[in-house]
Amino acid sequence: MKERQNPYIILTVILFVCMLAFPAFHLVSHRNQASESQRENRTLASFPSLNPARLDKFPAQFDYYFNDHFPFRDQFLDAYFLYSLFNDQSPTPSVVIGKEDFLFCGKEEKELYEGTLEFTEEQMRMIADELARRYDTLQRMGIRYYVFLAPTSYEIHPEFLPPYLLRASETATEKFCRVMRERAPKVPLTYLKTTLLSYKGDTLLYRKNDNHWNLLGAEYGAEKIMETLSKDNPKLPSSIRQDFIITPYEHEGGNLYSWISIRGNSPTYQKDREYHTVYADTADFFLTEDTVQDFTPTEGFAYPYEYEKQFRTNRTNHPKILFIRDSYCNNIIPFVSPYFRESLFIFDAWQYGANWDIIRQEKPDIVVLMIYEPHIRNIFKTL
């Protein structure tokens, strides 16, 4: 007589098969989803194409896709993040948790501060020579050229760093400034760290939940930029602070906060200080933004809507300026754009290229290259 199967064994087998099949079914049914991950500040991998001529690449591409779209991935991350925060640990190497809930970016910024950033002096010399070539070419075109470096929060607020982080005796930025003085002394180069430290006192100049400076820190940076430009351009004011009224307010969120948040609802790290700015009654200008996009964004740029910003004023006898910039320049824009008849800000996906086509088309009087200091080496990558 045939032995009857235990129904619990059958049910266990069915559940086990379903558990194995569910991830595959989920991945196939969602294969066209490639969404942005706010927490990780990147686009999740898309389902790889099946190209018979390149099947050797498919396993690695599928593995990358699987890791990004595993069922309940966000819920597992939430649980891990909550556990880490409960134990006062950072749930991701992308964020360093400092004192008094101050967050620091744990990527290139940390490596730069500790002196482990892979940026050789030979690469620095090549970048210095490239910037000198740009300077000479623009001089022949009758255009003045300036370079400004925006510091990290590590350099401005080290008092909030955890004690295990130690600063290098000479950072890559300081080495680069030295190489620039040796190989390209004629290129006007300003590292804004000294300026911000001179204004700092007990005031926060960077947001605690974000790796960018706040509007007050940006105003101090803009003050130094305008002071520098005014030395060669007498129509520009050497000081702009009297034209702006800045008031604080509580701001929620920030990019570093989003990287460690539990779907935007972490138990801490929610409130931050930011500032409103308005033009003072004594300011004698009007500013309009040109929303028509005249240039094609850099291919593959994750934020194409940020690629180009243009402004015009009634200061028709003032110079025209072009900024090659990154996101650090966002808070600079309201402080410098009112002083030029036209101002154009190009965010070329952190490449910091020469952008000769735009220069020839726009014919600016001034070109400013503004770089967040860990990204200086990006110029080498595009040479």
Protein backbone atom coordinates (compact mmCIF):
# COMPACT_ATOMS: atom_id res chain seq x y z
CA MET A 1 0.00 0.00 0.00
CA LYS A 2 1.41 3.36 -1.06
CA GLU A 3 2.39 5.57 1.86
CA ARG A 4 0.49 8.84 2.03
CA GLN A 5 2.62 12.00 1.87
CA ASN A 6 2.65 14.29 4.90
CA PRO A 7 0.74 17.48 3.87
CA TYR A 8 3.14 19.61 5.90
CA ILE A 9 6.06 18.36 3.82
CA ILE A 10 4.18 19.16 0.62
CA LEU A 11 3.30 22.63 1.92
CA THR A 12 6.92 23.23 2.91
CA VAL A 13 8.10 22.25 -0.57
CA ILE A 14 5.54 24.55 -2.19
CA LEU A 15 6.53 27.46 0.04
CA PHE A 16 10.22 26.82 -0.64
CA VAL A 17 9.64 26.80 -4.42
CA CYS A 18 7.59 29.99 -4.16
CA MET A 19 10.35 31.65 -2.16
CA LEU A 20 12.83 30.74 -4.89
CA ALA A 21 10.51 31.81 -7.70
CA PHE A 22 9.28 35.08 -6.20
CA PRO A 23 12.54 37.06 -6.61
CA ALA A 24 12.80 35.95 -10.24
CA PHE A 25 9.15 36.82 -10.90
CA HIS A 26 9.57 40.20 -9.18
CA LEU A 27 12.67 41.06 -11.19
CA VAL A 28 11.11 40.10 -14.52
CA SER A 29 7.86 41.95 -13.81
CA HIS A 30 9.78 45.10 -12.76
CA ARG A 31 12.60 44.84 -15.28
CA ASN A 32 11.82 48.19 -16.90
CA GLN A 33 12.02 50.09 -13.63
CA ALA A 34 15.19 52.17 -13.21
CA SER A 35 14.41 54.72 -10.56
CA GLU A 36 16.44 57.27 -8.66
CA SER A 37 17.67 56.33 -5.21
CA GLN A 38 17.52 59.49 -3.11
CA ARG A 39 19.20 57.70 -0.23
CA GLU A 40 22.19 56.68 -2.40
CA ASN A 41 22.17 59.75 -4.66
CA ARG A 42 22.28 57.67 -7.83
CA THR A 43 20.18 56.01 -10.51
CA LEU A 44 19.48 52.34 -9.86
CA ALA A 45 20.67 49.88 -12.49
CA SER A 46 18.36 49.12 -15.40
CA PHE A 47 17.64 45.62 -16.68
CA PRO A 48 20.54 44.58 -18.95
CA SER A 49 19.86 43.91 -22.60
CA LEU A 50 20.39 40.43 -24.00
CA ASN A 51 22.91 40.96 -26.76
CA PRO A 52 24.03 37.60 -28.25
CA ALA A 53 27.32 39.18 -29.28
CA ARG A 54 28.11 40.30 -25.72
CA LEU A 55 26.71 37.58 -23.48
CA ASP A 56 29.93 37.53 -21.47
CA LYS A 57 28.95 40.84 -19.86
CA PHE A 58 25.38 39.82 -19.04
CA PRO A 59 26.04 37.91 -15.76
CA ALA A 60 27.86 40.84 -14.13
CA GLN A 61 25.27 43.34 -15.40
CA PHE A 62 22.41 41.17 -14.16
CA ASP A 63 24.11 40.74 -10.78
CA TYR A 64 24.37 44.55 -10.50
CA TYR A 65 20.69 44.88 -11.46
CA PHE A 66 19.65 42.14 -9.00
CA ASN A 67 21.45 43.86 -6.12
CA ASP A 68 19.65 47.13 -6.90
CA HIS A 69 16.16 45.64 -7.28
CA PHE A 70 16.03 42.73 -4.85
CA PRO A 71 12.48 42.36 -3.46
CA PHE A 72 11.95 44.38 -0.27
CA ARG A 73 15.41 45.88 -0.68
CA ASP A 74 14.28 49.22 0.78
CA GLN A 75 12.69 47.53 3.77
CA PHE A 76 15.86 45.57 4.49
CA LEU A 77 17.90 48.76 4.19
CA ASP A 78 15.49 50.55 6.53
CA ALA A 79 15.92 47.82 9.13
CA TYR A 80 19.71 47.89 8.84
CA PHE A 81 19.84 51.69 8.97
CA LEU A 82 17.58 51.79 12.03
CA TYR A 83 19.75 49.23 13.78
CA SER A 84 22.93 51.21 12.99
CA LEU A 85 21.49 54.54 14.13
CA PHE A 86 20.20 52.94 17.33
CA ASN A 87 23.82 51.93 18.05
CA ASP A 88 25.17 55.41 17.17
CA GLN A 89 26.88 54.11 14.04
CA SER A 90 26.70 55.31 10.47
CA PRO A 91 24.70 52.84 8.36
CA THR A 92 26.71 53.71 5.25
CA PRO A 93 30.36 54.58 4.52
CA SER A 94 29.02 57.52 2.53
CA VAL A 95 28.24 59.41 5.75
CA VAL A 96 30.38 60.12 8.83
CA ILE A 97 28.40 60.89 11.98
CA GLY A 98 30.12 63.66 13.90
CA LYS A 99 29.56 65.39 17.20
CA GLU A 100 26.24 67.09 18.01
CA ASP A 101 24.50 65.30 15.11
CA PHE A 102 26.76 66.98 12.53
CA LEU A 103 27.00 64.83 9.39
CA PHE A 104 30.02 64.71 7.08
CA CYS A 105 30.33 63.19 3.64
CA GLY A 106 32.35 59.99 3.94
CA LYS A 107 33.54 59.70 0.37
CA GLU A 108 36.21 61.82 -1.31
CA GLU A 109 35.87 64.52 1.35
CA LYS A 110 37.06 62.14 4.07
CA GLU A 111 39.90 60.83 1.90
CA LEU A 112 40.97 64.38 1.11
CA TYR A 113 41.02 65.36 4.79
CA GLU A 114 42.98 62.26 5.83
CA GLY A 115 45.41 62.54 2.92
CA THR A 116 44.47 59.27 1.19
CA LEU A 117 42.81 60.77 -1.91
CA GLU A 118 44.41 59.31 -5.04
CA PHE A 119 45.64 62.48 -6.71
CA THR A 120 49.30 62.48 -7.71
CA GLU A 121 51.54 65.50 -8.15
CA GLU A 122 52.05 64.51 -11.78
CA GLN A 123 48.28 64.79 -12.31
CA MET A 124 48.34 68.13 -10.49
CA ARG A 125 51.06 69.40 -12.82
CA MET A 126 49.02 68.37 -15.86
CA ILE A 127 45.96 70.19 -14.52
CA ALA A 128 48.05 73.28 -13.73
CA ASP A 129 49.39 73.30 -17.29
CA GLU A 130 45.86 72.91 -18.66
CA LEU A 131 44.55 75.83 -16.60
CA ALA A 132 47.52 77.93 -17.74
CA ARG A 133 46.65 77.13 -21.37
CA ARG A 134 43.04 78.16 -20.78
CA TYR A 135 44.21 81.38 -19.14
CA ASP A 136 46.53 82.25 -22.06
CA THR A 137 43.88 81.45 -24.68
CA LEU A 138 41.25 83.54 -22.93
CA GLN A 139 43.71 86.41 -22.48
CA ARG A 140 44.25 86.47 -26.25
CA MET A 141 40.46 86.62 -26.65
CA GLY A 142 40.27 89.57 -24.24
CA ILE A 143 38.61 87.48 -21.50
CA ARG A 144 39.75 87.38 -17.88
CA TYR A 145 39.98 83.99 -16.19
CA TYR A 146 39.71 83.12 -12.46
CA VAL A 147 39.70 79.88 -10.45
CA PHE A 148 38.00 79.51 -7.04
CA LEU A 149 38.09 76.42 -4.82
CA ALA A 150 35.22 75.76 -2.40
CA PRO A 151 36.33 73.98 0.82
CA THR A 152 34.67 70.97 2.43
CA SER A 153 32.90 71.11 5.77
CA TYR A 154 35.84 69.10 7.18
CA GLU A 155 38.04 72.18 6.78
CA ILE A 156 35.55 74.73 8.14
CA HIS A 157 33.94 72.75 10.98
CA PRO A 158 36.55 70.23 12.20
CA GLU A 159 35.32 70.81 15.76
CA PHE A 160 32.38 68.49 14.97
CA LEU A 161 34.50 65.64 13.57
CA PRO A 162 34.74 62.38 15.51
CA PRO A 163 38.09 62.08 17.34
CA TYR A 164 39.34 59.17 15.22
CA LEU A 165 39.58 61.36 12.09
CA LEU A 166 42.96 63.06 11.81
CA ARG A 167 43.89 65.69 9.23
CA ALA A 168 46.83 65.14 6.89
CA SER A 169 49.79 67.47 7.35
CA GLU A 170 49.23 68.66 3.76
CA THR A 171 46.03 67.88 1.88
CA ALA A 172 45.81 67.33 -1.87
CA THR A 173 44.22 70.77 -2.21
CA GLU A 174 47.15 72.45 -0.50
CA LYS A 175 49.57 70.50 -2.70
CA PHE A 176 47.60 71.57 -5.77
CA CYS A 177 47.73 75.23 -4.73
CA ARG A 178 51.50 74.88 -4.33
CA VAL A 179 51.83 73.28 -7.78
CA MET A 180 49.70 76.05 -9.28
CA ARG A 181 51.96 78.72 -7.75
CA GLU A 182 54.98 76.96 -9.23
CA ARG A 183 53.68 76.12 -12.72
CA ALA A 184 50.84 78.58 -13.36
CA PRO A 185 51.50 81.64 -11.16
CA LYS A 186 49.67 83.98 -13.50
CA VAL A 187 46.34 82.13 -13.11
CA PRO A 188 44.33 83.88 -10.34
CA LEU A 189 43.58 81.03 -7.91
CA THR A 190 41.65 81.54 -4.64
CA TYR A 191 41.06 78.83 -2.04
CA LEU A 192 38.03 80.10 -0.10
CA LYS A 193 38.91 78.24 3.09
CA THR A 194 40.81 81.20 4.58
CA THR A 195 37.92 83.56 3.82
CA LEU A 196 35.30 81.36 5.48
CA LEU A 197 37.41 80.74 8.57
CA SER A 198 37.91 84.49 8.99
CA TYR A 199 34.12 85.01 9.13
CA LYS A 200 33.19 81.83 11.01
CA GLY A 201 33.38 82.59 14.73
CA ASP A 202 30.72 80.45 16.44
CA THR A 203 28.41 80.50 13.43
CA LEU A 204 27.60 77.46 11.32
CA LEU A 205 28.57 78.10 7.70
CA TYR A 206 27.66 74.58 6.53
CA ARG A 207 24.47 72.66 6.97
CA LYS A 208 24.62 69.87 9.54
CA ASN A 209 22.58 67.50 7.36
CA ASP A 210 24.24 68.32 4.05
CA ASN A 211 27.78 68.58 2.68
CA HIS A 212 27.12 72.00 1.11
CA TRP A 213 27.63 75.38 2.71
CA ASN A 214 24.52 77.21 3.80
CA LEU A 215 23.46 80.54 2.33
CA LEU A 216 25.44 82.49 4.91
CA GLY A 217 28.65 80.63 4.08
CA ALA A 218 27.93 81.13 0.38
CA GLU A 219 27.49 84.87 0.92
CA TYR A 220 30.95 85.08 2.50
CA GLY A 221 32.34 83.13 -0.44
CA ALA A 222 30.57 85.44 -2.90
CA GLU A 223 31.96 88.46 -1.06
CA LYS A 224 35.50 87.20 -1.70
CA ILE A 225 34.72 86.37 -5.32
CA MET A 226 33.38 89.86 -6.01
CA GLU A 227 36.30 91.47 -4.18
CA THR A 228 38.71 89.51 -6.40
CA LEU A 229 36.90 90.28 -9.65
CA SER A 230 36.55 93.98 -8.82
CA LYS A 231 40.34 94.43 -8.78
CA ASP A 232 40.40 93.98 -12.57
CA ASN A 233 36.87 95.26 -13.25
CA PRO A 234 36.27 98.72 -11.73
CA LYS A 235 32.55 98.65 -12.49
CA LEU A 236 32.08 95.78 -10.05
CA PRO A 237 31.66 96.45 -6.31
CA SER A 238 34.36 95.14 -3.99
CA SER A 239 31.74 94.48 -1.31
CA ILE A 240 28.15 93.25 -1.74
CA ARG A 241 26.97 92.47 1.80
CA GLN A 242 25.14 95.77 2.16
CA ASP A 243 22.80 94.77 -0.71
CA PHE A 244 21.37 91.70 1.05
CA ILE A 245 19.28 90.95 4.12
CA ILE A 246 19.74 87.42 5.45
CA THR A 247 17.46 85.82 8.06
CA PRO A 248 17.68 82.28 9.50
CA TYR A 249 15.02 79.59 9.45
CA GLU A 250 14.78 75.88 10.29
CA HIS A 251 15.31 73.60 7.33
CA GLU A 252 14.48 69.90 7.18
CA GLY A 253 16.49 67.31 5.29
CA GLY A 254 19.69 67.47 3.28
CA ASN A 255 21.59 65.07 1.05
CA LEU A 256 23.56 63.44 3.89
CA TYR A 257 20.41 63.14 5.96
CA SER A 258 18.64 61.41 3.07
CA TRP A 259 21.49 58.89 2.76
CA ILE A 260 21.00 57.67 6.34
CA SER A 261 17.26 58.27 6.68
CA ILE A 262 14.55 55.70 7.14
CA ARG A 263 12.38 56.77 4.21
CA GLY A 264 12.89 60.36 5.22
CA ASN A 265 11.88 59.79 8.83
CA SER A 266 15.01 59.17 10.87
CA PRO A 267 14.52 59.76 14.59
CA THR A 268 17.26 62.42 14.59
CA TYR A 269 19.07 64.68 12.10
CA GLN A 270 15.93 66.44 10.94
CA LYS A 271 16.31 70.14 11.77
CA ASP A 272 18.99 72.30 10.19
CA ARG A 273 19.75 76.00 9.93
CA GLU A 274 19.40 77.69 6.58
CA TYR A 275 18.80 81.29 5.54
CA HIS A 276 16.41 83.39 3.48
CA THR A 277 17.89 86.23 1.49
CA VAL A 278 16.22 89.31 0.01
CA TYR A 279 17.64 92.36 -1.70
CA ALA A 280 17.93 95.45 0.48
CA ASP A 281 15.81 98.50 -0.38
CA THR A 282 18.99 100.33 -1.37
CA ALA A 283 19.83 97.82 -4.12
CA ASP A 284 19.43 99.62 -7.46
CA PHE A 285 19.04 96.71 -9.86
CA PHE A 286 16.51 94.23 -11.12
CA LEU A 287 17.30 90.64 -12.00
CA THR A 288 15.46 88.35 -14.41
CA GLU A 289 16.10 84.70 -15.14
CA ASP A 290 16.12 83.48 -18.73
CA THR A 291 14.44 80.06 -18.64
CA VAL A 292 15.09 79.29 -22.32
CA GLN A 293 17.73 76.57 -22.59
CA ASP A 294 20.30 77.48 -25.23
CA PHE A 295 22.72 74.59 -24.71
CA THR A 296 22.51 70.80 -24.70
CA PRO A 297 23.30 69.23 -21.30
CA THR A 298 26.29 66.94 -20.92
CA GLU A 299 25.39 63.43 -22.04
CA GLY A 300 24.45 61.17 -19.14
CA PHE A 301 24.19 64.06 -16.65
CA ALA A 302 21.82 63.02 -13.86
CA TYR A 303 20.51 66.58 -13.38
CA PRO A 304 20.06 68.03 -16.89
CA TYR A 305 17.73 70.75 -15.54
CA GLU A 306 20.70 72.11 -13.57
CA TYR A 307 23.03 72.29 -16.56
CA GLU A 308 22.29 75.88 -17.53
CA LYS A 309 21.12 78.96 -15.63
CA GLN A 310 21.04 82.45 -17.18
CA PHE A 311 20.28 85.86 -15.69
CA ARG A 312 20.07 89.42 -16.98
CA THR A 313 19.99 92.77 -15.21
CA ASN A 314 19.55 96.44 -16.03
CA ARG A 315 23.30 97.02 -15.54
CA THR A 316 23.94 97.27 -19.26
CA ASN A 317 27.42 98.77 -18.87
CA HIS A 318 28.64 95.99 -16.55
CA PRO A 319 30.64 92.96 -17.72
CA LYS A 320 29.21 89.62 -18.80
CA ILE A 321 30.30 86.53 -16.87
CA LEU A 322 30.37 82.77 -17.39
CA PHE A 323 30.69 80.37 -14.43
CA ILE A 324 31.78 76.77 -14.99
CA ARG A 325 30.45 75.32 -11.76
CA ASP A 326 29.14 72.46 -9.65
CA SER A 327 26.35 72.28 -7.06
CA TYR A 328 28.41 74.33 -4.59
CA CYS A 329 27.75 77.35 -6.78
CA ASN A 330 23.97 77.12 -6.34
CA ASN A 331 23.99 79.30 -3.23
CA ILE A 332 26.50 81.67 -4.84
CA ILE A 333 24.21 82.51 -7.77
CA PRO A 334 21.84 84.96 -5.99
CA PHE A 335 24.80 86.93 -4.63
CA VAL A 336 26.84 87.40 -7.81
CA SER A 337 24.32 87.44 -10.67
CA PRO A 338 22.88 90.92 -9.86
CA TYR A 339 26.19 92.64 -10.64
CA PHE A 340 26.59 91.62 -14.28
CA ARG A 341 24.59 92.60 -17.31
CA GLU A 342 24.41 88.89 -18.13
CA SER A 343 25.52 85.85 -16.15
CA LEU A 344 25.57 82.25 -17.34
CA PHE A 345 26.17 79.28 -15.03
CA ILE A 346 27.11 75.94 -16.62
CA PHE A 347 27.12 72.71 -14.59
CA ASP A 348 28.89 70.27 -16.93
CA ALA A 349 28.48 67.12 -14.82
CA TRP A 350 31.57 67.73 -12.66
CA GLN A 351 33.90 67.76 -15.68
CA TYR A 352 35.01 71.40 -15.29
CA GLY A 353 35.83 71.54 -18.97
CA ALA A 354 37.00 74.54 -20.98
CA ASN A 355 33.59 74.70 -22.76
CA TRP A 356 35.11 76.58 -25.72
CA ASP A 357 31.93 76.33 -27.83
CA ILE A 358 29.90 78.13 -25.18
CA ILE A 359 32.61 80.76 -24.71
CA ARG A 360 32.79 81.48 -28.44
CA GLN A 361 29.02 81.74 -28.67
CA GLU A 362 28.47 83.84 -25.53
CA LYS A 363 31.62 86.01 -25.68
CA PRO A 364 31.79 86.72 -21.92
CA ASP A 365 34.14 89.31 -20.43
CA ILE A 366 34.95 87.04 -17.47
CA VAL A 367 35.14 83.26 -17.07
CA VAL A 368 35.16 81.77 -13.58
CA LEU A 369 35.97 78.15 -12.86
CA MET A 370 34.53 77.22 -9.47
CA ILE A 371 35.38 73.77 -8.09
CA TYR A 372 34.46 71.87 -4.95
CA GLU A 373 37.92 70.89 -3.73
CA PRO A 374 37.64 67.06 -3.82
CA HIS A 375 36.73 67.34 -7.51
CA ILE A 376 39.87 69.14 -8.68
CA ARG A 377 41.23 65.89 -10.04
CA ASN A 378 38.17 65.53 -12.28
CA ILE A 379 39.86 67.96 -14.69
CA PHE A 380 42.59 65.37 -15.17
CA LYS A 381 39.99 62.73 -16.05
CA THR A 382 38.66 64.86 -18.92
CA LEU A 383 42.00 65.89 -20.41
